[in-house]
N, C-alpha and C. Protein backbone atom coordinates (compact mmCIF):
# COMPACT_ATOMS: atom_id res chain seq x y z
N MET A 1 3.04 -4.45 -21.39
CA MET A 1 4.12 -4.28 -20.45
C MET A 1 3.67 -4.67 -19.04
N ALA A 2 2.68 -3.99 -18.49
CA ALA A 2 2.22 -4.29 -17.13
C ALA A 2 1.34 -5.54 -17.15
N THR A 3 1.42 -6.30 -16.08
CA THR A 3 0.59 -7.47 -15.94
C THR A 3 -0.37 -7.24 -14.79
N LYS A 4 -1.32 -8.16 -14.63
CA LYS A 4 -2.29 -8.03 -13.55
C LYS A 4 -1.65 -8.18 -12.18
N SER A 5 -0.54 -8.91 -12.09
CA SER A 5 0.06 -9.18 -10.80
C SER A 5 1.22 -8.23 -10.46
N ALA A 6 1.57 -7.32 -11.37
CA ALA A 6 2.70 -6.42 -11.12
C ALA A 6 2.38 -5.00 -11.59
N ASP A 7 2.95 -4.05 -10.87
CA ASP A 7 2.92 -2.65 -11.29
C ASP A 7 4.34 -2.28 -11.70
N HIS A 8 4.46 -1.43 -12.70
CA HIS A 8 5.76 -0.97 -13.18
C HIS A 8 5.90 0.51 -12.88
N TYR A 9 6.98 0.86 -12.19
CA TYR A 9 7.25 2.23 -11.79
C TYR A 9 8.64 2.63 -12.26
N TYR A 10 8.92 3.94 -12.17
CA TYR A 10 10.26 4.42 -12.41
C TYR A 10 10.53 5.64 -11.54
N ILE A 11 11.83 5.90 -11.35
CA ILE A 11 12.31 7.09 -10.67
C ILE A 11 13.34 7.73 -11.58
N GLU A 12 13.23 9.03 -11.77
CA GLU A 12 14.22 9.76 -12.55
C GLU A 12 15.52 9.78 -11.75
N LEU A 13 16.60 9.28 -12.38
CA LEU A 13 17.85 9.10 -11.64
C LEU A 13 19.03 9.33 -12.58
N GLY A 14 19.73 10.42 -12.39
CA GLY A 14 20.95 10.67 -13.16
C GLY A 14 20.75 10.65 -14.66
N GLY A 15 19.68 11.20 -15.15
CA GLY A 15 19.44 11.27 -16.59
C GLY A 15 18.76 10.05 -17.19
N ILE A 16 18.48 9.03 -16.38
CA ILE A 16 17.73 7.87 -16.87
C ILE A 16 16.47 7.70 -16.03
N ASN A 17 15.59 6.89 -16.52
CA ASN A 17 14.41 6.50 -15.74
C ASN A 17 14.66 5.09 -15.23
N TYR A 18 14.98 4.98 -13.95
CA TYR A 18 15.26 3.69 -13.31
C TYR A 18 13.94 2.95 -13.13
N GLY A 19 13.74 1.88 -13.88
CA GLY A 19 12.48 1.15 -13.85
C GLY A 19 12.53 -0.08 -12.97
N PHE A 20 11.39 -0.41 -12.38
CA PHE A 20 11.29 -1.61 -11.55
C PHE A 20 9.84 -2.08 -11.51
N ALA A 21 9.70 -3.39 -11.37
CA ALA A 21 8.37 -4.00 -11.26
C ALA A 21 8.19 -4.47 -9.82
N VAL A 22 7.00 -4.27 -9.30
CA VAL A 22 6.69 -4.66 -7.92
C VAL A 22 5.31 -5.32 -7.89
N PRO A 23 5.04 -6.11 -6.85
CA PRO A 23 3.70 -6.68 -6.73
C PRO A 23 2.63 -5.59 -6.73
N LYS A 24 1.50 -5.91 -7.28
CA LYS A 24 0.38 -4.98 -7.40
C LYS A 24 0.13 -4.25 -6.08
N ASP A 25 -0.10 -2.95 -6.16
CA ASP A 25 -0.46 -2.08 -5.03
C ASP A 25 0.64 -1.87 -3.99
N SER A 26 1.89 -2.20 -4.31
CA SER A 26 2.99 -2.01 -3.36
C SER A 26 3.23 -0.55 -3.01
N TYR A 27 2.88 0.36 -3.91
CA TYR A 27 3.09 1.79 -3.69
C TYR A 27 1.77 2.55 -3.59
N LYS A 28 0.67 1.82 -3.53
CA LYS A 28 -0.64 2.45 -3.52
C LYS A 28 -0.78 3.44 -2.36
N GLY A 29 -1.12 4.69 -2.71
CA GLY A 29 -1.34 5.72 -1.71
C GLY A 29 -0.11 6.48 -1.26
N ILE A 30 1.10 5.99 -1.62
CA ILE A 30 2.32 6.68 -1.19
C ILE A 30 3.26 6.99 -2.36
N GLU A 31 2.84 6.67 -3.57
CA GLU A 31 3.73 6.86 -4.72
C GLU A 31 4.17 8.31 -4.90
N THR A 32 3.29 9.26 -4.71
CA THR A 32 3.65 10.67 -4.87
C THR A 32 4.63 11.11 -3.78
N LEU A 33 4.40 10.69 -2.55
CA LEU A 33 5.31 11.03 -1.45
C LEU A 33 6.71 10.47 -1.67
N LEU A 34 6.79 9.32 -2.32
CA LEU A 34 8.09 8.69 -2.56
C LEU A 34 8.71 9.12 -3.89
N GLY A 35 7.95 9.83 -4.72
CA GLY A 35 8.49 10.31 -5.99
C GLY A 35 8.61 9.26 -7.07
N VAL A 36 7.84 8.18 -6.95
CA VAL A 36 7.84 7.17 -8.00
C VAL A 36 6.67 7.42 -8.95
N LYS A 37 6.87 7.09 -10.20
CA LYS A 37 5.84 7.32 -11.21
C LYS A 37 5.55 6.02 -11.94
N LYS A 38 4.28 5.80 -12.25
CA LYS A 38 3.91 4.60 -13.00
C LYS A 38 4.40 4.71 -14.43
N VAL A 39 4.92 3.62 -14.96
CA VAL A 39 5.35 3.58 -16.35
C VAL A 39 4.09 3.57 -17.21
N ALA A 40 4.04 4.49 -18.16
CA ALA A 40 2.93 4.56 -19.11
C ALA A 40 3.45 4.12 -20.48
N SER A 41 2.53 3.89 -21.39
CA SER A 41 2.93 3.44 -22.72
C SER A 41 3.82 4.45 -23.44
N ASN A 42 3.74 5.72 -23.06
CA ASN A 42 4.55 6.75 -23.71
C ASN A 42 5.78 7.16 -22.90
N THR A 43 6.08 6.45 -21.80
CA THR A 43 7.25 6.77 -21.00
C THR A 43 8.50 6.32 -21.76
N LYS A 44 9.44 7.23 -21.91
CA LYS A 44 10.66 6.96 -22.68
C LYS A 44 11.84 6.65 -21.76
N ASN A 45 12.80 5.91 -22.31
CA ASN A 45 14.10 5.66 -21.67
C ASN A 45 14.00 5.05 -20.28
N VAL A 46 13.16 4.04 -20.12
CA VAL A 46 13.08 3.33 -18.84
C VAL A 46 14.07 2.18 -18.89
N VAL A 47 14.97 2.14 -17.90
CA VAL A 47 15.99 1.11 -17.83
C VAL A 47 15.67 0.18 -16.66
N TYR A 48 15.51 -1.10 -16.97
CA TYR A 48 15.24 -2.12 -15.94
C TYR A 48 16.52 -2.92 -15.68
N GLY A 49 16.70 -3.35 -14.45
CA GLY A 49 17.78 -4.27 -14.11
C GLY A 49 19.14 -3.63 -13.89
N ALA A 50 19.20 -2.31 -13.82
CA ALA A 50 20.49 -1.65 -13.58
C ALA A 50 20.95 -1.92 -12.15
N ASN A 51 22.21 -2.33 -12.01
CA ASN A 51 22.77 -2.58 -10.67
C ASN A 51 23.29 -1.30 -10.03
N SER A 52 23.66 -0.35 -10.86
CA SER A 52 24.20 0.90 -10.35
C SER A 52 24.03 1.98 -11.40
N PRO A 53 23.61 3.16 -11.02
CA PRO A 53 23.19 3.55 -9.68
C PRO A 53 21.77 3.07 -9.39
N LYS A 54 21.46 2.95 -8.14
CA LYS A 54 20.10 2.62 -7.69
C LYS A 54 19.59 3.75 -6.82
N PRO A 55 18.28 3.98 -6.82
CA PRO A 55 17.74 5.00 -5.93
C PRO A 55 17.85 4.57 -4.47
N PRO A 56 17.82 5.54 -3.56
CA PRO A 56 17.79 5.16 -2.14
C PRO A 56 16.50 4.40 -1.81
N ARG A 57 16.53 3.72 -0.68
CA ARG A 57 15.36 2.98 -0.23
C ARG A 57 14.93 3.49 1.13
N VAL A 58 13.65 3.39 1.38
CA VAL A 58 13.09 3.78 2.67
C VAL A 58 12.51 2.53 3.34
N ARG A 59 12.76 2.41 4.65
CA ARG A 59 12.15 1.32 5.43
C ARG A 59 10.92 1.89 6.12
N ILE A 60 9.81 1.24 5.89
CA ILE A 60 8.52 1.70 6.43
C ILE A 60 7.99 0.65 7.39
N ARG A 61 7.60 1.09 8.58
CA ARG A 61 7.00 0.19 9.57
C ARG A 61 5.55 0.61 9.77
N THR A 62 4.68 -0.39 9.87
CA THR A 62 3.26 -0.11 10.04
C THR A 62 2.79 -0.56 11.42
N GLU A 63 1.61 -0.07 11.80
CA GLU A 63 1.11 -0.36 13.15
C GLU A 63 0.81 -1.83 13.39
N ASN A 64 0.69 -2.62 12.32
CA ASN A 64 0.46 -4.05 12.51
C ASN A 64 1.78 -4.82 12.69
N GLY A 65 2.90 -4.08 12.80
CA GLY A 65 4.20 -4.70 13.06
C GLY A 65 4.98 -5.10 11.83
N LYS A 66 4.44 -4.89 10.66
CA LYS A 66 5.15 -5.28 9.44
C LYS A 66 6.11 -4.19 9.01
N SER A 67 7.15 -4.60 8.28
CA SER A 67 8.16 -3.69 7.78
C SER A 67 8.28 -3.88 6.27
N TYR A 68 8.36 -2.78 5.55
CA TYR A 68 8.46 -2.80 4.09
C TYR A 68 9.62 -1.92 3.66
N THR A 69 10.26 -2.28 2.55
CA THR A 69 11.29 -1.45 1.96
C THR A 69 10.81 -1.02 0.58
N ARG A 70 10.92 0.29 0.31
CA ARG A 70 10.47 0.84 -0.97
C ARG A 70 11.53 1.80 -1.50
N PHE A 71 11.63 1.91 -2.82
CA PHE A 71 12.50 2.91 -3.43
C PHE A 71 11.90 4.29 -3.19
N ILE A 72 12.80 5.30 -3.09
CA ILE A 72 12.37 6.68 -2.92
C ILE A 72 13.27 7.57 -3.77
N ASP A 73 12.69 8.58 -4.38
CA ASP A 73 13.46 9.58 -5.11
C ASP A 73 14.21 10.41 -4.07
N SER A 74 15.50 10.61 -4.29
CA SER A 74 16.31 11.34 -3.30
C SER A 74 15.77 12.75 -3.04
N LYS A 75 15.08 13.33 -4.01
CA LYS A 75 14.50 14.67 -3.82
C LYS A 75 13.29 14.65 -2.88
N LYS A 76 12.78 13.48 -2.54
CA LYS A 76 11.60 13.36 -1.67
C LYS A 76 11.94 12.96 -0.24
N ILE A 77 13.21 12.73 0.06
CA ILE A 77 13.59 12.26 1.40
C ILE A 77 13.17 13.26 2.47
N ASP A 78 13.43 14.54 2.26
CA ASP A 78 13.07 15.53 3.28
C ASP A 78 11.58 15.53 3.58
N SER A 79 10.74 15.60 2.56
CA SER A 79 9.30 15.68 2.81
C SER A 79 8.71 14.37 3.31
N ALA A 80 9.22 13.25 2.83
CA ALA A 80 8.65 11.95 3.22
C ALA A 80 9.15 11.45 4.56
N ILE A 81 10.43 11.69 4.84
CA ILE A 81 11.02 11.11 6.05
C ILE A 81 11.32 12.18 7.10
N VAL A 82 12.14 13.17 6.75
CA VAL A 82 12.54 14.19 7.72
C VAL A 82 11.32 14.95 8.23
N ASP A 83 10.41 15.34 7.33
CA ASP A 83 9.21 16.08 7.73
C ASP A 83 8.03 15.16 8.07
N SER A 84 8.27 13.86 8.14
CA SER A 84 7.28 12.86 8.55
C SER A 84 6.05 12.78 7.64
N GLY A 85 6.22 13.05 6.36
CA GLY A 85 5.10 13.01 5.42
C GLY A 85 4.44 11.65 5.29
N LEU A 86 5.20 10.58 5.51
CA LEU A 86 4.64 9.23 5.39
C LEU A 86 3.85 8.81 6.63
N ILE A 87 4.19 9.38 7.77
CA ILE A 87 3.55 8.96 9.03
C ILE A 87 2.05 9.22 8.97
N GLY A 88 1.28 8.19 9.29
CA GLY A 88 -0.18 8.30 9.29
C GLY A 88 -0.82 7.86 7.98
N LYS A 89 -0.03 7.74 6.92
CA LYS A 89 -0.57 7.24 5.65
C LYS A 89 -0.78 5.74 5.79
N THR A 90 -1.49 5.17 4.84
CA THR A 90 -1.78 3.74 4.89
C THR A 90 -1.00 2.99 3.81
N LEU A 91 -0.42 1.87 4.21
CA LEU A 91 0.27 0.97 3.28
C LEU A 91 -0.19 -0.45 3.57
N ARG A 92 -0.67 -1.11 2.56
CA ARG A 92 -1.14 -2.50 2.70
C ARG A 92 -2.16 -2.65 3.83
N GLY A 93 -3.03 -1.65 3.97
CA GLY A 93 -4.13 -1.73 4.93
C GLY A 93 -3.79 -1.39 6.36
N SER A 94 -2.56 -0.91 6.59
CA SER A 94 -2.16 -0.57 7.96
C SER A 94 -1.50 0.82 7.97
N ARG A 95 -1.71 1.55 9.07
CA ARG A 95 -1.18 2.91 9.19
C ARG A 95 0.34 2.88 9.38
N ILE A 96 1.04 3.77 8.67
CA ILE A 96 2.49 3.89 8.78
C ILE A 96 2.83 4.61 10.08
N VAL A 97 3.73 4.00 10.88
CA VAL A 97 4.11 4.59 12.17
C VAL A 97 5.56 5.09 12.18
N SER A 98 6.40 4.61 11.25
CA SER A 98 7.77 5.13 11.18
C SER A 98 8.34 4.91 9.78
N ALA A 99 9.29 5.77 9.43
CA ALA A 99 9.97 5.66 8.13
C ALA A 99 11.38 6.17 8.30
N SER A 100 12.33 5.45 7.71
CA SER A 100 13.74 5.85 7.79
C SER A 100 14.46 5.36 6.53
N ILE A 101 15.62 5.92 6.27
CA ILE A 101 16.41 5.47 5.13
C ILE A 101 16.91 4.06 5.44
N ALA A 102 16.73 3.14 4.49
CA ALA A 102 17.17 1.76 4.67
C ALA A 102 18.67 1.68 4.41
N ARG A 103 19.34 0.88 5.15
CA ARG A 103 20.79 0.70 5.00
C ARG A 103 21.09 -0.49 4.14
């Protein structure tokens, strides 16, 4: 299932496991804060390619000026964004300086 160039994750969403593939290390170090879980060989009912519903997304800005968008479990919004849990963590080698819900 997983390849060397991609990681496969899922978020529990409305009774299904919303699955998605992303470039390697896209969630490294922040996966728990965002509530995403790596797909394992024994993970059941993972649905890829669903257009609706989709999990919310968070926009993350790092100190090197880059901006990233990542999926987030709606149950993690308060701890990751409202309570600033992401601030100071590292993403792609740069410290996170802001996070907000992506529109």
